[in-house]
Protein backbone atom coordinates (compact mmCIF):
# COMPACT_ATOMS: atom_id res chain seq x y z
CA MET A 1 279.84 136.66 -32.99
CA SER A 2 283.31 135.21 -33.41
CA GLU A 3 286.05 136.46 -31.08
CA HIS A 4 288.35 136.68 -34.09
CA PRO A 5 288.39 139.88 -36.19
CA PRO A 6 286.67 139.60 -39.58
CA ALA A 7 288.88 138.96 -42.60
CA ILE A 8 288.13 142.39 -44.04
CA ALA A 9 289.47 144.15 -40.96
CA SER A 10 293.02 143.88 -42.30
CA ALA A 11 292.08 146.27 -45.11
CA GLY A 12 291.64 149.03 -42.55
CA THR A 13 288.97 151.70 -42.42
CA PHE A 14 288.33 155.13 -43.89
CA ALA A 15 285.98 157.97 -43.04
CA LEU A 16 282.75 158.32 -44.96
CA GLY A 17 281.67 161.59 -43.42
CA ARG A 18 281.06 160.95 -39.74
CA TRP A 19 281.05 157.18 -40.33
CA GLN A 20 284.22 155.11 -40.07
CA VAL A 21 283.72 152.16 -42.40
CA ARG A 22 285.77 149.14 -43.37
CA ARG A 23 287.32 149.50 -46.80
CA ILE A 24 285.53 146.46 -48.19
CA GLY A 25 281.80 147.03 -48.27
CA TYR A 26 278.95 145.51 -50.23
CA GLY A 27 277.11 146.74 -53.31
CA ALA A 28 273.53 145.44 -53.28
CA MET A 29 272.59 146.10 -56.93
CA GLN A 30 272.93 142.46 -58.01
CA LEU A 31 270.30 141.31 -55.52
CA SER A 32 267.47 142.26 -57.88
CA GLY A 33 266.46 140.43 -61.05
CA ASP A 34 268.03 140.54 -64.49
CA ASN A 35 269.01 144.05 -65.62
CA VAL A 36 268.51 145.24 -62.02
CA PHE A 37 264.75 144.91 -62.48
CA GLY A 38 262.22 142.81 -60.63
CA PRO A 39 262.75 140.28 -57.84
CA PRO A 40 265.82 138.04 -57.46
CA ARG A 41 265.77 134.50 -58.77
CA ASP A 42 266.43 133.21 -55.26
CA ARG A 43 265.06 135.50 -52.55
CA ASP A 44 266.28 133.31 -49.68
CA GLU A 45 269.81 133.32 -51.06
CA ALA A 46 269.69 137.12 -51.40
CA LEU A 47 268.73 137.43 -47.74
CA ARG A 48 271.50 135.02 -46.74
CA VAL A 49 274.08 137.05 -48.69
CA LEU A 50 273.07 140.28 -46.95
CA ARG A 51 273.22 138.71 -43.50
CA ALA A 52 276.54 136.99 -44.26
CA ALA A 53 278.04 140.27 -45.44
CA VAL A 54 277.29 142.00 -42.14
CA GLU A 55 278.32 138.95 -40.13
CA GLY A 56 281.57 138.98 -42.13
CA GLY A 57 282.36 142.51 -41.01
CA VAL A 58 280.79 144.69 -43.70
CA ASN A 59 279.52 147.97 -42.29
CA HIS A 60 279.04 149.88 -45.57
CA ILE A 61 276.21 148.88 -47.92
CA ASP A 62 275.46 150.66 -51.18
CA THR A 63 271.94 150.61 -52.59
CA ALA A 64 269.33 152.65 -54.49
CA GLN A 65 265.55 152.77 -54.49
CA TYR A 66 265.52 152.35 -58.26
CA TYR A 67 267.20 148.94 -57.94
CA GLY A 68 264.25 146.71 -58.60
CA PRO A 69 262.71 149.28 -58.19
CA GLY A 70 262.25 149.05 -54.46
CA ILE A 71 263.16 145.36 -54.38
CA VAL A 72 266.71 145.69 -53.08
CA ASN A 73 265.83 148.14 -50.31
CA GLU A 74 263.03 145.83 -49.19
CA LEU A 75 265.48 142.92 -49.06
CA ILE A 76 267.95 144.96 -47.01
CA ARG A 77 265.20 145.85 -44.56
CA GLU A 78 263.97 142.28 -44.24
CA ALA A 79 267.47 140.87 -43.78
CA LEU A 80 269.05 143.43 -41.49
CA HIS A 81 266.46 145.61 -39.72
CA PRO A 82 266.88 146.70 -36.96
CA TYR A 83 270.24 147.80 -38.32
CA PRO A 84 273.54 147.51 -36.41
CA GLY A 85 274.58 150.85 -34.99
CA ASP A 86 277.76 150.98 -37.08
CA LEU A 87 276.12 150.06 -40.42
CA ALA A 88 276.42 152.89 -42.94
CA ILE A 89 273.74 152.57 -45.62
CA VAL A 90 274.44 154.75 -48.65
CA SER A 91 271.96 155.31 -51.47
CA LYS A 92 271.73 157.40 -54.61
CA VAL A 93 269.10 159.53 -56.27
CA ALA A 94 268.38 161.17 -59.65
CA ALA A 95 266.99 158.17 -61.53
CA ARG A 96 263.82 156.08 -61.64
CA ARG A 97 262.54 153.01 -63.50
CA ASP A 98 259.43 152.84 -65.65
CA GLU A 99 257.17 149.81 -66.03
CA THR A 100 259.43 148.36 -68.72
CA GLY A 101 262.57 148.68 -66.58
CA ALA A 102 264.03 151.62 -68.47
CA VAL A 103 266.16 153.99 -66.39
CA LEU A 104 264.88 157.56 -66.62
CA PRO A 105 266.10 160.85 -65.12
CA PHE A 106 264.42 161.86 -61.87
CA ASP A 107 266.69 164.72 -60.99
CA GLU A 108 264.73 167.91 -60.45
CA PRO A 109 265.36 169.24 -56.92
CA HIS A 110 261.90 168.20 -55.66
CA GLN A 111 262.37 164.76 -57.25
CA LEU A 112 265.69 164.32 -55.45
CA ARG A 113 263.94 165.02 -52.16
CA GLN A 114 261.22 162.53 -53.09
CA GLY A 115 263.89 159.95 -53.91
CA ILE A 116 265.52 160.39 -50.49
CA GLU A 117 262.18 160.01 -48.73
CA GLU A 118 261.33 156.87 -50.73
CA ASN A 119 264.68 155.33 -49.75
CA LEU A 120 264.06 156.07 -46.09
CA ALA A 121 260.56 154.60 -46.18
CA ALA A 122 261.60 151.43 -48.01
CA LEU A 123 264.60 150.84 -45.74
CA GLY A 124 262.65 151.60 -42.58
CA THR A 125 265.07 154.19 -41.27
CA ASP A 126 264.92 157.91 -40.58
CA ARG A 127 268.47 158.71 -41.69
CA LEU A 128 271.00 157.57 -44.30
CA ALA A 129 274.78 157.72 -43.90
CA ALA A 130 275.04 159.42 -47.29
CA VAL A 131 273.16 159.92 -50.53
CA ASN A 132 274.90 160.24 -53.88
CA LEU A 133 273.66 162.64 -56.53
CA ARG A 134 274.06 160.54 -59.66
CA MET A 135 274.69 162.53 -62.81
CA VAL A 136 273.13 161.27 -66.02
CA ASP A 137 275.94 162.71 -68.15
CA ARG A 138 279.34 163.15 -66.54
CA THR A 139 280.58 165.09 -69.58
CA ALA A 140 278.01 167.87 -69.13
CA ALA A 141 279.51 171.01 -67.64
CA PRO A 142 278.20 171.76 -64.15
CA GLY A 143 276.10 174.90 -63.92
CA LYS A 144 273.14 176.43 -62.11
CA ARG A 145 271.05 173.27 -62.45
CA PHE A 146 273.79 171.29 -60.73
CA ASP A 147 273.89 173.91 -57.99
CA ALA A 148 270.14 173.56 -57.45
CA GLN A 149 270.44 169.79 -57.24
CA LEU A 150 273.21 170.11 -54.67
CA ALA A 151 271.10 172.58 -52.69
CA ALA A 152 268.31 170.00 -52.42
CA LEU A 153 270.73 167.52 -50.87
CA VAL A 154 272.17 170.18 -48.56
CA GLN A 155 268.65 170.89 -47.31
CA ALA A 156 268.02 167.18 -46.71
CA ARG A 157 271.29 166.97 -44.76
CA ASP A 158 270.50 170.08 -42.73
CA GLU A 159 267.08 168.61 -41.86
CA GLY A 160 268.69 165.39 -40.65
CA LEU A 161 267.53 163.01 -43.38
CA ILE A 162 271.08 162.22 -44.49
CA ASP A 163 274.45 162.54 -42.80
CA GLY A 164 276.50 163.26 -45.89
CA ILE A 165 276.36 164.22 -49.55
CA GLY A 166 278.07 162.21 -52.25
CA LEU A 167 278.40 162.46 -56.03
CA SER A 168 278.28 159.72 -58.65
CA ASN A 169 279.22 159.48 -62.32
CA ILE A 170 280.90 162.88 -62.24
CA SER A 171 283.82 164.72 -63.77
CA ARG A 172 286.56 166.48 -61.84
CA GLU A 173 284.81 169.76 -62.72
CA HIS A 174 281.66 168.61 -60.93
CA LEU A 175 283.68 167.79 -57.85
CA LEU A 176 285.53 171.10 -57.83
CA ARG A 177 282.29 173.05 -58.17
CA ALA A 178 280.59 170.98 -55.47
CA VAL A 179 283.28 171.39 -52.81
CA GLU A 180 283.02 175.16 -53.20
CA GLN A 181 279.44 174.88 -51.94
CA THR A 182 279.38 172.08 -49.37
CA GLN A 183 281.23 169.13 -47.88
CA ILE A 184 281.36 166.07 -50.13
CA VAL A 185 281.92 162.82 -48.23
CA CYS A 186 282.25 160.38 -51.14
CA VAL A 187 282.47 160.07 -54.91
CA GLN A 188 281.21 156.97 -56.72
CA ASN A 189 282.47 156.57 -60.30
CA LEU A 190 283.08 153.72 -62.73
CA PHE A 191 286.64 152.56 -62.09
CA ASN A 192 288.45 149.25 -62.51
CA LEU A 193 291.73 147.93 -63.90
CA ALA A 194 290.47 148.11 -67.48
CA ASP A 195 288.70 151.48 -67.19
CA GLN A 196 290.62 154.13 -65.28
CA HIS A 197 289.20 157.18 -67.04
CA SER A 198 288.18 158.59 -63.64
CA LEU A 199 291.78 158.65 -62.47
CA ASP A 200 291.74 162.46 -62.31
CA VAL A 201 288.67 162.30 -60.05
CA LEU A 202 290.35 159.71 -57.83
CA GLU A 203 293.44 161.86 -57.53
CA GLU A 204 291.36 164.91 -56.59
CA CYS A 205 289.63 162.83 -53.94
CA THR A 206 292.93 161.62 -52.50
CA ASP A 207 294.21 165.20 -52.37
CA ARG A 208 291.11 166.24 -50.42
CA GLY A 209 290.67 163.16 -48.24
CA ILE A 210 287.33 162.25 -49.83
CA ALA A 211 286.28 158.60 -50.04
CA PHE A 212 286.36 157.28 -53.62
CA VAL A 213 284.01 154.36 -54.24
CA PRO A 214 284.53 152.55 -57.58
CA PHE A 215 281.41 151.03 -59.03
CA CYS A 216 281.74 147.96 -61.27
CA PRO A 217 285.20 147.34 -59.74
CA LEU A 218 285.56 144.10 -61.71
CA GLY A 219 284.54 145.70 -64.99
CA TRP A 220 281.41 146.35 -66.99
CA PRO A 221 279.90 145.29 -69.34
CA ARG A 222 280.53 141.55 -69.21
CA GLY A 223 283.12 141.69 -71.99
CA VAL A 224 285.28 144.11 -70.01
CA GLN A 225 284.93 141.97 -66.89
CA ASN A 226 286.00 138.88 -68.81
CA ARG A 227 289.00 140.77 -70.20
CA ILE A 228 290.11 141.53 -66.64
CA LEU A 229 289.45 138.15 -65.06
CA THR A 230 290.95 136.10 -67.91
CA ASN A 231 294.03 138.26 -68.40
CA PRO A 232 297.01 135.83 -68.42
CA ALA A 233 299.28 138.09 -66.39
CA LEU A 234 296.64 138.64 -63.74
CA THR A 235 295.86 134.93 -63.62
CA GLU A 236 299.53 134.02 -63.23
CA LEU A 237 300.06 136.67 -60.59
CA GLY A 238 297.09 135.27 -58.69
CA LYS A 239 298.63 131.79 -58.74
CA ARG A 240 301.89 133.13 -57.32
CA MET A 241 300.10 135.11 -54.63
CA GLY A 242 297.58 132.43 -53.70
CA ALA A 243 294.63 134.57 -54.77
CA THR A 244 291.86 134.43 -57.35
CA PRO A 245 291.86 136.78 -60.35
CA ALA A 246 288.95 138.68 -58.80
CA GLN A 247 290.87 139.15 -55.56
CA ILE A 248 293.89 140.44 -57.47
CA ALA A 249 291.73 142.90 -59.44
CA LEU A 250 289.94 144.16 -56.34
CA GLY A 251 293.03 144.12 -54.18
CA ARG A 252 294.94 146.31 -56.63
CA LEU A 253 292.21 148.93 -56.33
CA LEU A 254 292.51 148.87 -52.55
CA ASP A 255 296.26 149.19 -52.99
CA LEU A 256 296.01 152.36 -55.10
CA ALA A 257 294.96 154.72 -52.31
CA PRO A 258 293.69 154.55 -48.71
CA GLU A 259 290.70 156.67 -49.75
CA ILE A 260 289.30 153.86 -51.93
CA LEU A 261 286.29 152.02 -50.51
CA LEU A 262 285.24 148.89 -52.38
CA ILE A 263 281.60 147.83 -52.83
CA PRO A 264 281.81 144.63 -54.90
CA GLY A 265 278.40 143.11 -55.42
CA THR A 266 277.25 139.53 -55.73
CA SER A 267 274.18 137.40 -55.16
CA VAL A 268 276.21 134.27 -54.40
CA LEU A 269 277.62 133.38 -50.98
CA THR A 270 280.84 131.86 -52.32
CA HIS A 271 281.63 135.02 -54.27
CA LEU A 272 280.88 137.12 -51.20
CA THR A 273 283.40 135.13 -49.17
CA GLU A 274 285.97 135.53 -51.94
CA ASN A 275 285.43 139.30 -52.03
CA LEU A 276 285.67 139.71 -48.25
CA HIS A 277 289.05 137.97 -48.22
CA THR A 278 290.50 140.39 -50.77
CA ALA A 279 292.10 142.28 -47.90
CA SER A 280 294.65 139.48 -47.47
CA VAL A 281 296.21 140.22 -50.88
CA ARG A 282 299.47 142.16 -50.59
CA PHE A 283 301.38 143.72 -53.50
CA ASP A 284 305.05 144.53 -53.87
CA GLU A 285 306.54 146.95 -56.37
CA ALA A 286 307.18 144.21 -58.92
CA SER A 287 303.56 143.02 -58.90
CA ARG A 288 302.29 146.60 -59.10
CA LYS A 289 304.45 147.31 -62.14
CA GLU A 290 303.31 144.09 -63.76
CA LEU A 291 299.66 145.05 -63.42
CA ASP A 292 300.34 148.61 -64.53
CA ARG A 293 301.89 147.30 -67.74
CA GLU A 294 298.84 145.14 -68.42
CA PHE A 295 296.33 147.80 -67.45
CA PRO A 296 297.96 151.19 -68.08
CA ALA A 297 296.21 154.20 -66.62
CA PRO A 298 295.72 157.41 -68.64
CA ASN A 299 297.70 160.41 -67.45
CA ARG A 300 298.91 158.82 -64.23
CA ARG A 301 300.65 161.40 -62.06
CA ALA A 302 304.29 160.80 -61.26
């Protein structure tokens, strides 16, 4: 191990429940095959990326048993087990894949418990740092079914299978109902420069000191990502700041709030290195205003 601190250390850390994690983590979804189904095209490269992420200072990895399915968790286990003591592995439940690769709901309370146990078995661990309850429809009003789903995760936490409970693809109403019942350690929603519709959820998280973890932080689908990364203003700003467009886009998310934890994913070592050095990007008020003009947020609070 190098005596020098990893590049991502300059981004600082934030609490994910009882875990203190660096603000740049790693999202493992892209390690599976096309459409997050089947094995990766280059298994050896996938293993190298995982090991390089941890060697580069990452101590927060996001995964799910339905990535593959099972493929990504098996890769994580092969690459990193036995796990470093400070490595927070976070998964999610409430979905499964069929034999064609379709994503189907798997969100009855007993299915959520099954999903947690399958993650633990595949990863070769007896405890996860957190598990996110992923909602199929974030526009659906939370009710008794949501309460029952939460109760299943509370039971798993109380039995020691998980350290914390998270929520994914939710509305602010889901979050408000959840925190009335239990501690929520993280929220994982779609959020990037071009899609800030979860701004109200982010703001609620910042008010409550809850980690907010944007998924698809560089945009999704591919057309949205291209619109971000080829934006002329962003490209020019990157040239002035000595950073790539991706680093500018990710760095601006880090800059929005200390509660934001990034989990950019990649299956390529060069992209991993680029992502880990995002922490070196620093914004002033002029650059923030420039990006805000290009990517205006809905209903931003004063």
